[in-house]
């Protein structure tokens, strides 16, 4: 079983906006949310194993989230910013962190 700890569910600044759709007592095997890159830098979202520097799993942000078009009308293709993480693909014996990273370097955790 996976133990998830969320200190917050939403981070928003000049470079990006990431949001996790959290439900109380969620027994689902997935984590859903969206990630919008608001700047010119090429940012990615990934899962890192605690205390390690390499990406364990890249998070694909291509699911359709239609409400984002109203929030960010100037960002082309923003409706394709949703993600789903399948928790069953991760080992329940390890601790993982989701990071925003650029060219393989963590910039936010």
Protein backbone atom coordinates (compact mmCIF):
# COMPACT_ATOMS: atom_id res chain seq x y z
CA UNK A 1 0.00 0.00 0.00
CA UNK A 2 1.23 3.49 -0.82
CA UNK A 3 1.25 6.28 1.74
CA UNK A 4 0.83 9.67 0.11
CA UNK A 5 1.74 12.90 1.87
CA UNK A 6 0.67 16.18 0.34
CA UNK A 7 1.81 19.34 2.06
CA UNK A 8 -0.19 21.33 -0.48
CA UNK A 9 -2.22 20.49 -3.54
CA UNK A 10 -1.54 23.61 -5.60
CA UNK A 11 1.60 25.58 -6.51
CA UNK A 12 1.39 28.64 -8.73
CA UNK A 13 4.11 31.12 -9.68
CA UNK A 14 5.38 33.00 -12.77
CA UNK A 15 6.94 29.86 -14.31
CA UNK A 16 4.41 27.10 -13.68
CA UNK A 17 1.15 26.03 -12.08
CA UNK A 18 0.73 22.49 -10.79
CA UNK A 19 -2.40 21.13 -9.19
CA UNK A 20 -3.26 17.73 -7.70
CA UNK A 21 -6.88 16.55 -7.64
CA UNK A 22 -7.01 15.18 -4.10
CA UNK A 23 -10.01 13.38 -2.69
CA UNK A 24 -10.24 12.62 1.01
CA UNK A 25 -10.10 8.88 1.75
CA UNK A 26 -8.96 8.25 -1.82
CA UNK A 27 -8.37 4.53 -2.26
CA UNK A 28 -7.71 4.91 -5.98
CA UNK A 29 -4.59 3.49 -7.58
CA UNK A 30 -4.07 6.77 -9.46
CA UNK A 31 -3.07 10.35 -8.72
CA UNK A 32 -4.58 12.93 -11.05
CA UNK A 33 -3.77 16.56 -11.66
CA UNK A 34 -2.43 19.06 -14.18
CA UNK A 35 0.78 20.94 -14.88
CA UNK A 36 0.99 24.20 -16.87
CA UNK A 37 4.36 25.59 -17.94
CA UNK A 38 3.75 29.37 -18.04
CA UNK A 39 7.26 30.44 -19.01
CA UNK A 40 9.70 29.94 -21.86
CA UNK A 41 11.84 27.36 -20.07
CA UNK A 42 11.32 23.70 -20.97
CA UNK A 43 10.06 22.18 -17.72
CA UNK A 44 9.06 18.58 -17.04
CA UNK A 45 7.31 16.75 -14.27
CA UNK A 46 8.82 13.56 -12.89
CA UNK A 47 8.91 11.10 -10.05
CA UNK A 48 12.24 10.71 -8.25
CA UNK A 49 13.12 8.12 -5.65
CA UNK A 50 14.02 9.78 -2.35
CA UNK A 51 17.69 10.83 -2.15
CA UNK A 52 18.40 9.94 -5.79
CA UNK A 53 18.94 12.28 -8.70
CA UNK A 54 17.56 10.32 -11.65
CA UNK A 55 13.96 10.32 -12.84
CA UNK A 56 12.20 7.07 -11.95
CA UNK A 57 9.22 7.89 -14.14
CA UNK A 58 8.47 10.82 -16.42
CA UNK A 59 4.94 12.12 -15.92
CA UNK A 60 3.17 12.60 -19.23
CA UNK A 61 0.97 15.69 -19.17
CA UNK A 62 -1.24 15.13 -22.21
CA UNK A 63 -4.70 14.41 -20.75
CA UNK A 64 -7.43 16.86 -21.67
CA UNK A 65 -8.38 19.43 -19.01
CA UNK A 66 -10.83 21.80 -20.80
CA UNK A 67 -11.19 24.34 -17.95
CA UNK A 68 -7.53 25.29 -18.30
CA UNK A 69 -8.26 27.08 -21.58
CA UNK A 70 -10.30 29.67 -19.64
CA UNK A 71 -7.60 30.03 -16.98
CA UNK A 72 -4.72 30.33 -19.48
CA UNK A 73 -6.15 31.50 -22.82
CA UNK A 74 -2.76 32.69 -24.13
CA UNK A 75 -1.01 29.33 -23.72
CA UNK A 76 -1.34 27.25 -26.87
CA UNK A 77 -2.47 23.67 -26.26
CA UNK A 78 -2.99 24.22 -22.52
CA UNK A 79 -6.01 21.86 -22.52
CA UNK A 80 -3.51 18.98 -22.93
CA UNK A 81 -1.93 19.50 -19.49
CA UNK A 82 -3.56 16.80 -17.39
CA UNK A 83 -1.76 13.80 -15.95
CA UNK A 84 -2.56 10.49 -14.29
CA UNK A 85 0.04 8.64 -12.21
CA UNK A 86 -0.52 4.92 -11.74
CA UNK A 87 0.65 4.21 -8.19
CA UNK A 88 0.81 0.47 -8.87
CA UNK A 89 3.87 1.06 -11.09
CA UNK A 90 5.82 2.29 -8.06
CA UNK A 91 7.28 0.09 -5.36
CA UNK A 92 5.43 0.38 -2.06
CA UNK A 93 8.79 -0.16 -0.28
CA UNK A 94 10.32 3.10 -1.56
CA UNK A 95 9.69 6.77 -0.91
CA UNK A 96 9.13 9.00 -3.95
CA UNK A 97 8.96 12.71 -4.62
CA UNK A 98 7.38 14.53 -7.52
CA UNK A 99 9.65 17.23 -8.89
CA UNK A 100 9.50 19.86 -11.56
CA UNK A 101 12.79 19.65 -13.37
CA UNK A 102 14.66 21.21 -16.26
CA UNK A 103 17.23 19.31 -18.32
CA UNK A 104 17.47 16.59 -15.68
CA UNK A 105 17.99 18.99 -12.73
CA UNK A 106 15.38 19.38 -10.01
CA UNK A 107 14.18 22.94 -9.68
CA UNK A 108 11.23 22.40 -7.38
CA UNK A 109 10.08 19.65 -5.06
